[in-house]
Amino acid sequence: MPDRPMELEQPSFNFTPRIDRRPIIPEPLPVKLVAIDDVHLPAAAGREVELDAFYVRLWGFERDETAPEGVIAYHAENFRLCFDVLEPPIRREELRPTGIIVRSLAAAEQKLIDAELEYERQRGLAPGQQLIVLLDPAGNWIAISEARSVG
């Protein structure tokens, strides 16, 4: 069905809609971080445009404009993903992937195919769990999994 405005039938009585003055609650962001606090990762200077394309346009994070100088930050539904901008070469202490939860793994995989990004699909630790593992533009490992309902 094409996206077109819904047409309403004219009321048979005098009707005046009330203005709803309650604050609008924004929709939750489509991504969550697997973390217990904000996540900090290193990024080489000059990668801001590629990071925005990867995290905001591809996955649906929201850019945090209030981040301090030298930090690029993105909001997920639960925490922030912060990149400490450093001059290359960057020394990494660990290679553990940052977990990102999306609504649909199939949709995430299609986005990667459309963007022509390299990734690897892996089995998770829990039975039936699938992961997509890839490198972000800053060279950090990312593990994407699907949100699973409890119950």
N, C-alpha and C. Protein backbone atom coordinates (compact mmCIF):
# COMPACT_ATOMS: atom_id res chain seq x y z
N MET A 1 0.84 -1.17 0.00
CA MET A 1 0.00 0.00 0.00
C MET A 1 0.89 1.24 0.00
N PRO A 2 0.64 2.18 -0.90
CA PRO A 2 1.50 3.37 -0.97
C PRO A 2 1.31 4.26 0.26
N ASP A 3 2.37 5.02 0.58
CA ASP A 3 2.30 5.94 1.71
C ASP A 3 1.57 7.20 1.28
N ARG A 4 0.35 7.34 1.71
CA ARG A 4 -0.41 8.55 1.43
C ARG A 4 -1.20 8.90 2.68
N PRO A 5 -1.57 10.19 2.82
CA PRO A 5 -2.26 10.61 4.03
C PRO A 5 -3.62 9.90 4.17
N MET A 6 -3.98 9.65 5.41
CA MET A 6 -5.26 9.02 5.69
C MET A 6 -6.36 10.09 5.58
N GLU A 7 -7.44 9.74 4.92
CA GLU A 7 -8.56 10.67 4.78
C GLU A 7 -9.58 10.35 5.86
N LEU A 8 -10.05 11.40 6.55
CA LEU A 8 -11.02 11.23 7.61
C LEU A 8 -12.41 11.62 7.12
N GLU A 9 -13.38 10.91 7.61
CA GLU A 9 -14.77 11.21 7.28
C GLU A 9 -15.21 12.44 8.06
N GLN A 10 -16.01 13.27 7.44
CA GLN A 10 -16.51 14.46 8.11
C GLN A 10 -17.46 14.04 9.23
N PRO A 11 -17.34 14.65 10.43
CA PRO A 11 -18.24 14.27 11.53
C PRO A 11 -19.67 14.77 11.27
N SER A 12 -20.62 14.07 11.84
CA SER A 12 -22.03 14.45 11.66
C SER A 12 -22.50 15.42 12.73
N PHE A 13 -21.58 15.87 13.61
CA PHE A 13 -21.91 16.80 14.69
C PHE A 13 -20.79 17.83 14.77
N ASN A 14 -21.01 18.86 15.55
CA ASN A 14 -20.01 19.92 15.70
C ASN A 14 -18.84 19.37 16.52
N PHE A 15 -17.67 19.33 15.92
CA PHE A 15 -16.50 18.74 16.57
C PHE A 15 -15.32 19.70 16.49
N THR A 16 -14.73 19.96 17.65
CA THR A 16 -13.52 20.77 17.71
C THR A 16 -12.47 19.97 18.48
N PRO A 17 -11.35 19.63 17.84
CA PRO A 17 -10.34 18.83 18.55
C PRO A 17 -9.68 19.65 19.66
N ARG A 18 -9.35 18.96 20.77
CA ARG A 18 -8.64 19.60 21.87
C ARG A 18 -7.14 19.55 21.60
N ILE A 19 -6.47 20.58 22.00
CA ILE A 19 -5.02 20.62 21.85
C ILE A 19 -4.41 19.85 23.02
N ASP A 20 -3.55 18.89 22.71
CA ASP A 20 -2.89 18.09 23.73
C ASP A 20 -1.60 18.80 24.15
N ARG A 21 -1.57 19.29 25.37
CA ARG A 21 -0.43 20.07 25.85
C ARG A 21 0.61 19.22 26.57
N ARG A 22 0.42 17.90 26.59
CA ARG A 22 1.41 17.04 27.23
C ARG A 22 2.69 17.02 26.40
N PRO A 23 3.86 16.90 27.07
CA PRO A 23 5.11 16.86 26.31
C PRO A 23 5.18 15.60 25.44
N ILE A 24 5.78 15.74 24.29
CA ILE A 24 5.93 14.61 23.38
C ILE A 24 7.13 13.78 23.83
N ILE A 25 6.92 12.49 23.98
CA ILE A 25 7.99 11.58 24.37
C ILE A 25 8.61 11.04 23.08
N PRO A 26 9.90 11.26 22.87
CA PRO A 26 10.51 10.79 21.62
C PRO A 26 10.58 9.26 21.56
N GLU A 27 10.55 8.74 20.35
CA GLU A 27 10.69 7.31 20.13
C GLU A 27 12.08 6.87 20.59
N PRO A 28 12.20 5.65 21.15
CA PRO A 28 13.53 5.17 21.53
C PRO A 28 14.40 4.95 20.29
N LEU A 29 15.69 5.11 20.46
CA LEU A 29 16.61 4.88 19.34
C LEU A 29 16.63 3.39 18.99
N PRO A 30 16.91 3.05 17.73
CA PRO A 30 16.83 1.65 17.30
C PRO A 30 18.04 0.80 17.68
N VAL A 31 18.98 1.35 18.45
CA VAL A 31 20.17 0.59 18.83
C VAL A 31 20.43 0.70 20.33
N LYS A 32 21.02 -0.36 20.89
CA LYS A 32 21.46 -0.37 22.28
C LYS A 32 22.90 -0.85 22.31
N LEU A 33 23.62 -0.44 23.33
CA LEU A 33 24.98 -0.94 23.54
C LEU A 33 24.94 -2.04 24.58
N VAL A 34 25.76 -3.07 24.39
CA VAL A 34 25.92 -4.11 25.40
C VAL A 34 27.00 -3.60 26.34
N ALA A 35 26.55 -2.88 27.37
CA ALA A 35 27.49 -2.22 28.28
C ALA A 35 26.78 -1.90 29.59
N ILE A 36 27.56 -1.52 30.58
CA ILE A 36 26.99 -1.08 31.85
C ILE A 36 27.24 0.41 32.07
N ASP A 37 27.90 1.06 31.13
CA ASP A 37 28.18 2.49 31.20
C ASP A 37 28.59 2.94 29.80
N ASP A 38 28.89 4.22 29.65
CA ASP A 38 29.36 4.72 28.37
C ASP A 38 30.59 3.94 27.92
N VAL A 39 30.70 3.71 26.62
CA VAL A 39 31.82 2.96 26.05
C VAL A 39 32.79 3.96 25.43
N HIS A 40 34.09 3.79 25.71
CA HIS A 40 35.13 4.66 25.14
C HIS A 40 36.03 3.82 24.24
N LEU A 41 36.20 4.30 23.01
CA LEU A 41 37.05 3.63 22.02
C LEU A 41 37.99 4.66 21.40
N PRO A 42 39.13 4.22 20.90
CA PRO A 42 40.03 5.16 20.22
C PRO A 42 39.63 5.36 18.76
N ALA A 43 39.93 6.53 18.24
CA ALA A 43 39.71 6.83 16.82
C ALA A 43 40.80 7.78 16.36
N ALA A 44 41.29 7.55 15.15
CA ALA A 44 42.31 8.43 14.59
C ALA A 44 41.68 9.76 14.19
N ALA A 45 42.43 10.82 14.32
CA ALA A 45 41.96 12.13 13.90
C ALA A 45 41.61 12.11 12.41
N GLY A 46 40.54 12.80 12.03
CA GLY A 46 40.14 12.88 10.63
C GLY A 46 39.12 11.83 10.22
N ARG A 47 38.61 11.05 11.13
CA ARG A 47 37.64 9.99 10.81
C ARG A 47 36.19 10.38 11.12
N GLU A 48 35.95 11.62 11.46
CA GLU A 48 34.63 12.06 11.91
C GLU A 48 33.53 11.81 10.88
N VAL A 49 33.77 12.13 9.63
CA VAL A 49 32.75 11.95 8.58
C VAL A 49 32.42 10.48 8.40
N GLU A 50 33.44 9.62 8.37
CA GLU A 50 33.20 8.18 8.22
C GLU A 50 32.48 7.60 9.43
N LEU A 51 32.84 8.07 10.64
CA LEU A 51 32.16 7.59 11.84
C LEU A 51 30.70 8.01 11.85
N ASP A 52 30.41 9.25 11.44
CA ASP A 52 29.01 9.70 11.35
C ASP A 52 28.23 8.84 10.36
N ALA A 53 28.82 8.56 9.21
CA ALA A 53 28.13 7.74 8.21
C ALA A 53 27.86 6.34 8.76
N PHE A 54 28.82 5.78 9.46
CA PHE A 54 28.70 4.42 9.98
C PHE A 54 27.70 4.34 11.12
N TYR A 55 27.84 5.19 12.12
CA TYR A 55 27.02 5.07 13.32
C TYR A 55 25.66 5.77 13.23
N VAL A 56 25.60 6.93 12.61
CA VAL A 56 24.34 7.66 12.54
C VAL A 56 23.49 7.18 11.38
N ARG A 57 24.03 7.23 10.17
CA ARG A 57 23.21 6.89 9.00
C ARG A 57 22.98 5.39 8.85
N LEU A 58 23.97 4.57 9.17
CA LEU A 58 23.82 3.12 8.98
C LEU A 58 23.06 2.47 10.13
N TRP A 59 23.38 2.81 11.37
CA TRP A 59 22.80 2.10 12.51
C TRP A 59 21.75 2.87 13.28
N GLY A 60 21.68 4.17 13.16
CA GLY A 60 20.63 4.93 13.84
C GLY A 60 21.02 5.51 15.19
N PHE A 61 22.32 5.62 15.47
CA PHE A 61 22.76 6.32 16.66
C PHE A 61 22.44 7.81 16.47
N GLU A 62 22.48 8.56 17.55
CA GLU A 62 22.25 10.00 17.49
C GLU A 62 23.53 10.70 17.93
N ARG A 63 24.00 11.65 17.16
CA ARG A 63 25.24 12.37 17.47
C ARG A 63 25.05 13.23 18.71
N ASP A 64 25.99 13.19 19.64
CA ASP A 64 25.96 14.00 20.85
C ASP A 64 26.81 15.23 20.60
N GLU A 65 26.15 16.36 20.43
CA GLU A 65 26.87 17.61 20.13
C GLU A 65 27.47 18.24 21.39
N THR A 66 27.12 17.71 22.57
CA THR A 66 27.63 18.29 23.82
C THR A 66 28.92 17.62 24.29
N ALA A 67 29.46 16.70 23.49
CA ALA A 67 30.69 16.00 23.88
C ALA A 67 31.85 17.00 23.98
N PRO A 68 32.76 16.78 24.92
CA PRO A 68 33.90 17.70 25.05
C PRO A 68 34.81 17.65 23.83
N GLU A 69 35.66 18.64 23.71
CA GLU A 69 36.59 18.70 22.59
C GLU A 69 37.52 17.50 22.63
N GLY A 70 37.78 16.92 21.46
CA GLY A 70 38.63 15.74 21.38
C GLY A 70 37.88 14.44 21.55
N VAL A 71 36.55 14.51 21.67
CA VAL A 71 35.71 13.32 21.81
C VAL A 71 34.56 13.41 20.83
N ILE A 72 34.33 12.34 20.09
CA ILE A 72 33.16 12.22 19.22
C ILE A 72 32.24 11.23 19.92
N ALA A 73 31.00 11.64 20.20
CA ALA A 73 30.10 10.77 20.97
C ALA A 73 28.78 10.57 20.24
N TYR A 74 28.22 9.37 20.41
CA TYR A 74 26.94 9.00 19.81
C TYR A 74 26.06 8.38 20.90
N HIS A 75 24.78 8.73 20.88
CA HIS A 75 23.81 8.16 21.82
C HIS A 75 23.19 6.90 21.24
N ALA A 76 23.15 5.85 22.04
CA ALA A 76 22.31 4.69 21.76
C ALA A 76 21.10 4.85 22.69
N GLU A 77 20.22 3.87 22.72
CA GLU A 77 19.07 3.98 23.60
C GLU A 77 19.47 4.03 25.06
N ASN A 78 20.53 3.29 25.42
CA ASN A 78 20.88 3.17 26.83
C ASN A 78 22.14 3.94 27.26
N PHE A 79 23.18 3.98 26.44
CA PHE A 79 24.43 4.63 26.82
C PHE A 79 25.00 5.39 25.63
N ARG A 80 26.17 6.01 25.86
CA ARG A 80 26.86 6.71 24.78
C ARG A 80 28.06 5.90 24.32
N LEU A 81 28.36 6.03 23.04
CA LEU A 81 29.56 5.46 22.44
C LEU A 81 30.48 6.64 22.16
N CYS A 82 31.59 6.71 22.88
CA CYS A 82 32.50 7.86 22.82
C CYS A 82 33.82 7.45 22.17
N PHE A 83 34.26 8.26 21.23
CA PHE A 83 35.53 8.02 20.56
C PHE A 83 36.51 9.10 21.00
N ASP A 84 37.61 8.65 21.61
CA ASP A 84 38.67 9.55 22.00
C ASP A 84 39.56 9.75 20.78
N VAL A 85 39.57 10.97 20.24
CA VAL A 85 40.32 11.27 19.01
C VAL A 85 41.80 11.40 19.35
N LEU A 86 42.60 10.54 18.72
CA LEU A 86 44.04 10.48 18.97
C LEU A 86 44.80 10.63 17.66
N GLU A 87 46.04 11.05 17.76
CA GLU A 87 46.89 11.12 16.57
C GLU A 87 47.45 9.72 16.29
N PRO A 88 47.46 9.29 15.02
CA PRO A 88 48.00 7.96 14.70
C PRO A 88 49.50 7.91 14.96
N PRO A 89 50.07 6.76 15.17
CA PRO A 89 49.44 5.44 15.22
C PRO A 89 48.74 5.22 16.57
N ILE A 90 47.64 4.47 16.50
CA ILE A 90 46.85 4.19 17.70
C ILE A 90 47.25 2.84 18.26
N ARG A 91 47.51 2.82 19.54
CA ARG A 91 47.85 1.57 20.22
C ARG A 91 46.61 1.06 20.94
N ARG A 92 46.20 -0.16 20.64
CA ARG A 92 45.00 -0.74 21.24
C ARG A 92 45.40 -1.71 22.35
N GLU A 93 44.75 -1.56 23.49
CA GLU A 93 45.03 -2.41 24.64
C GLU A 93 44.35 -3.77 24.50
N GLU A 94 43.21 -3.81 23.82
CA GLU A 94 42.46 -5.07 23.66
C GLU A 94 41.71 -5.06 22.34
N LEU A 95 41.32 -6.24 21.90
CA LEU A 95 40.61 -6.38 20.63
C LEU A 95 39.20 -6.92 20.84
N ARG A 96 38.67 -6.78 22.04
CA ARG A 96 37.33 -7.26 22.35
C ARG A 96 36.31 -6.40 21.59
N PRO A 97 35.32 -7.02 20.93
CA PRO A 97 34.35 -6.21 20.17
C PRO A 97 33.35 -5.49 21.08
N THR A 98 32.89 -4.35 20.61
CA THR A 98 31.82 -3.62 21.29
C THR A 98 30.49 -4.17 20.80
N GLY A 99 29.63 -4.55 21.71
CA GLY A 99 28.34 -5.13 21.35
C GLY A 99 27.29 -4.07 21.06
N ILE A 100 26.62 -4.24 19.92
CA ILE A 100 25.52 -3.37 19.53
C ILE A 100 24.31 -4.25 19.27
N ILE A 101 23.17 -3.91 19.86
CA ILE A 101 21.95 -4.67 19.65
C ILE A 101 21.04 -3.88 18.72
N VAL A 102 20.61 -4.53 17.64
CA VAL A 102 19.70 -3.92 16.68
C VAL A 102 18.37 -4.68 16.70
N ARG A 103 17.36 -4.12 16.08
CA ARG A 103 16.04 -4.77 16.09
C ARG A 103 15.99 -6.00 15.21
N SER A 104 16.71 -5.98 14.08
CA SER A 104 16.66 -7.10 13.15
C SER A 104 18.05 -7.36 12.58
N LEU A 105 18.56 -8.56 12.78
CA LEU A 105 19.87 -8.92 12.25
C LEU A 105 19.83 -9.03 10.73
N ALA A 106 18.71 -9.51 10.20
CA ALA A 106 18.57 -9.62 8.74
C ALA A 106 18.61 -8.24 8.09
N ALA A 107 17.93 -7.26 8.69
CA ALA A 107 17.96 -5.89 8.16
C ALA A 107 19.36 -5.29 8.28
N ALA A 108 20.05 -5.60 9.38
CA ALA A 108 21.42 -5.11 9.57
C ALA A 108 22.34 -5.70 8.50
N GLU A 109 22.18 -6.98 8.22
CA GLU A 109 23.01 -7.61 7.19
C GLU A 109 22.74 -7.01 5.82
N GLN A 110 21.47 -6.70 5.54
CA GLN A 110 21.14 -6.08 4.25
C GLN A 110 21.76 -4.69 4.13
N LYS A 111 21.78 -3.94 5.22
CA LYS A 111 22.43 -2.62 5.22
C LYS A 111 23.92 -2.75 4.89
N LEU A 112 24.56 -3.76 5.46
CA LEU A 112 25.99 -3.98 5.20
C LEU A 112 26.23 -4.37 3.75
N ILE A 113 25.35 -5.20 3.21
CA ILE A 113 25.47 -5.60 1.80
C ILE A 113 25.30 -4.39 0.90
N ASP A 114 24.28 -3.56 1.18
CA ASP A 114 24.02 -2.37 0.38
C ASP A 114 25.18 -1.38 0.46
N ALA A 115 25.79 -1.26 1.65
CA ALA A 115 26.92 -0.34 1.84
C ALA A 115 28.25 -0.94 1.37
N GLU A 116 28.21 -2.23 0.94
CA GLU A 116 29.39 -2.95 0.47
C GLU A 116 30.51 -2.98 1.52
N LEU A 117 30.11 -3.26 2.76
CA LEU A 117 31.08 -3.37 3.85
C LEU A 117 31.36 -4.84 4.14
N GLU A 118 32.61 -5.14 4.47
CA GLU A 118 32.98 -6.52 4.80
C GLU A 118 32.56 -6.85 6.21
N TYR A 119 32.05 -8.05 6.41
CA TYR A 119 31.63 -8.52 7.73
C TYR A 119 31.72 -10.03 7.76
N GLU A 120 31.58 -10.57 8.95
CA GLU A 120 31.56 -12.03 9.10
C GLU A 120 30.41 -12.38 10.03
N ARG A 121 29.66 -13.37 9.65
CA ARG A 121 28.55 -13.85 10.48
C ARG A 121 29.07 -14.97 11.37
N GLN A 122 28.76 -14.91 12.66
CA GLN A 122 29.25 -15.91 13.61
C GLN A 122 28.12 -16.39 14.50
N ARG A 123 28.32 -17.58 15.07
CA ARG A 123 27.38 -18.08 16.07
C ARG A 123 27.73 -17.47 17.41
N GLY A 124 26.70 -17.17 18.21
CA GLY A 124 26.91 -16.61 19.53
C GLY A 124 27.10 -17.69 20.57
N LEU A 125 27.21 -17.30 21.82
CA LEU A 125 27.40 -18.24 22.91
C LEU A 125 26.11 -18.97 23.27
N ALA A 126 24.98 -18.30 23.16
CA ALA A 126 23.69 -18.93 23.47
C ALA A 126 23.19 -19.71 22.25
N PRO A 127 22.46 -20.79 22.47
CA PRO A 127 21.93 -21.56 21.33
C PRO A 127 21.05 -20.70 20.43
N GLY A 128 21.31 -20.75 19.15
CA GLY A 128 20.52 -20.00 18.18
C GLY A 128 20.92 -18.54 18.01
N GLN A 129 21.85 -18.08 18.81
CA GLN A 129 22.26 -16.68 18.70
C GLN A 129 23.22 -16.50 17.53
N GLN A 130 23.01 -15.47 16.76
CA GLN A 130 23.86 -15.13 15.62
C GLN A 130 24.44 -13.73 15.85
N LEU A 131 25.65 -13.52 15.35
CA LEU A 131 26.32 -12.23 15.44
C LEU A 131 26.86 -11.84 14.08
N ILE A 132 26.96 -10.56 13.86
CA ILE A 132 27.69 -10.03 12.71
C ILE A 132 28.87 -9.26 13.28
N VAL A 133 30.07 -9.63 12.87
CA VAL A 133 31.28 -9.01 13.39
C VAL A 133 31.96 -8.25 12.25
N LEU A 134 32.37 -7.00 12.53
CA LEU A 134 33.03 -6.19 11.51
C LEU A 134 33.85 -5.11 12.18
N LEU A 135 34.64 -4.44 11.38
CA LEU A 135 35.43 -3.30 11.86
C LEU A 135 34.71 -2.00 11.52
N ASP A 136 34.71 -1.06 12.46
CA ASP A 136 34.14 0.26 12.16
C ASP A 136 35.21 1.10 11.45
N PRO A 137 34.88 2.29 10.98
CA PRO A 137 35.87 3.11 10.26
C PRO A 137 37.10 3.49 11.07
N ALA A 138 37.02 3.41 12.40
CA ALA A 138 38.18 3.74 13.24
C ALA A 138 39.03 2.51 13.54
N GLY A 139 38.62 1.32 13.01
CA GLY A 139 39.39 0.10 13.23
C GLY A 139 39.04 -0.64 14.51
N ASN A 140 37.90 -0.32 15.11
CA ASN A 140 37.44 -1.01 16.31
C ASN A 140 36.49 -2.14 15.91
N TRP A 141 36.58 -3.27 16.62
CA TRP A 141 35.71 -4.41 16.34
C TRP A 141 34.32 -4.14 16.91
N ILE A 142 33.30 -4.47 16.11
CA ILE A 142 31.89 -4.30 16.48
C ILE A 142 31.21 -5.65 16.31
N ALA A 143 30.42 -6.07 17.31
CA ALA A 143 29.62 -7.30 17.22
C ALA A 143 28.15 -6.91 17.29
N ILE A 144 27.44 -7.14 16.21
CA ILE A 144 26.03 -6.75 16.11
C ILE A 144 25.17 -7.98 16.36
N SER A 145 24.21 -7.86 17.26
CA SER A 145 23.28 -8.94 17.55
C SER A 145 21.87 -8.41 17.52
N GLU A 146 20.93 -9.35 17.49
CA GLU A 146 19.52 -8.97 17.40
C GLU A 146 18.90 -8.92 18.78
N ALA A 147 17.99 -7.98 18.98
CA ALA A 147 17.27 -7.90 20.25
C ALA A 147 16.38 -9.13 20.39
N ARG A 148 16.44 -9.76 21.54
CA ARG A 148 15.63 -10.95 21.79
C ARG A 148 14.65 -10.64 22.91
N SER A 149 13.41 -11.04 22.72
CA SER A 149 12.41 -10.80 23.75
C SER A 149 12.56 -11.82 24.87
N VAL A 150 12.23 -11.40 26.06
CA VAL A 150 12.30 -12.28 27.23
C VAL A 150 10.93 -12.93 27.42
N GLY A 151 10.95 -14.23 27.62
CA GLY A 151 9.67 -14.88 27.91
C GLY A 151 9.34 -15.97 27.05
